Amino acid sequence: MVDLIRRIVFNQDAVRIIVGFALRISGSVVTLVLSVLLVRIIGEADTGYFMLAFTSMTLLSAVARCGTEGVVLKITAAARADGLYGMAQDVWRKSSLLAGGVSASLALILYVFSDSIASRVFHKADFAGALHGISFSIVALSLCTLGARALQGWRRINASLFFLSVGPGLIFVVSLLAHPPRGASQAAQYYTAASILNMAAALVTLRWVAVSGDGDCPLSEVLRIARPLWIIVVVETLVSLFGQFIAGFYVSPVELTQLAISQRLGMVATIGQTAACQHAAPIFAEAWRRGDLDMIKATTQSSGRMACLLAAPIIIPMLVAPHFILTIYSPSVAEGALLLQISALGQLVNVATGAVSFLLMMCDREKEMRAATVAAGCFAVLSGWALTAAFGVVGAVTSSTLSLILLNVLASRQVVLHLGFHPIKQIFR
């Protein structure tokens, strides 16, 4: 164990991951403070409506991006390595126009029909205000995600992490403290304003970082690469969020708050993995382009080990003392301690398998990742509906956890079949 820690500490890649991890820690702290503030300012019920609106917005943004975030990351990383800076700029422009147009259309539909969706689909009339207020966050999140992936491709990993993980939450927390909202509707409006400011900052940073040059990327090539990636991103989002979405049809707003907070806390365990993936993804793309399988294996090992080392002290308290952790929010939220334990278990498996999704997508195995994702997504939808209808909020979190585990197992199997090594064995060898 001492030797493992020594190798990590003196690894240059590990140092970069630690910096990214610090940013992820900051984002997690902001998320924790944000959730506590929402519960205490607008109450458990309105927090549940806000969380459900946020989940719906996130799902719609994943659909609206059309898989272009993966295209931007993959082509930018490869073009940067080859000095084709104009190609990196061109793929960003075309992807942002496509994603921006689709996301604006979806946002307008949600804005206009929020009352009908809340009352006729979710049978929760009080939910309309939150949907109405958060609708245009779809555009901001979509364009910010593309900008952050472009920064990642330019190897500005920490800037990418900041705009994805810290920026919008930090601005939102400041707005909550400066002028506390009166309900879910106003909180959603605050979040939309925060996400627009964060998007603007991300795009200004990208403009400053990006290098001009020769080369372009045909729209047909963008669409060709985006199609399988779009399915992967949408279904991966479904796997992680469908439990919360379907719970909106069956459980009370307070139970929605318990579920959303438990799953968000569970995802805190992946902060090390996310930082490692942000660093590893462009390396995978460049190494695959050069045919350097040894570099891919080494990066899988170093990033996976770092993610596991950083996740352990986060997951263990969630499994051992979930009630104590949730009392930070309120006594009623603490009643969801079992939900936190189940969610943390799924994230434990998620971290142990490493960056398998990025590994497959950056190594031209989008179709294999799509097959694994679709299988897990179908399971998430079917089991989510059945288990939530039968067991309520516990069924929802169980479905999400089992779907996440299934996705990682199937993706790891694809790595074994097509890249010739097992990610878990590579990490722990």
Foldseek 3Di string as FASTA:
>chain_A
DVVLVVVLVPDPLSVLLVLLLVLLVQLLVLVVLLLQLCCVQANLLLSLLLLLLVLVLVLQLLLLLLQLLLVLLLQLLQCVVVVALQASVQSLVLSLVRSLVSLVVQLVVQLVCLQVCCCVVLVHNVSSLLSNQQSSLSNLVNLLSSLLSNCLSLVVLNLSSCLVRPQLSVQLSVVCVVPNDHGNNVSSNSSSVSSNVSSVVSVVVSVVSRDDDHDHDDPVNSNVLSNLSSLLSSLVSCLLRVLLNLLSNPDGSSLSSLLSVLLSLLCSLQSSLVSLCSSCLSVLLNCLVVVNLVSNLVSLQSSLLRSLVSNVVSLVCLQVPQLVVQVSRPNSSSVSSVLNNLSNVLVNLVSLQGPLLSNCSSNVNSVQLSVLSVVLSVQLVVQSNVQCVVPNSVSSSNSSSVSSNSSSVSSQVVCCVPVPDRSNVSNVD
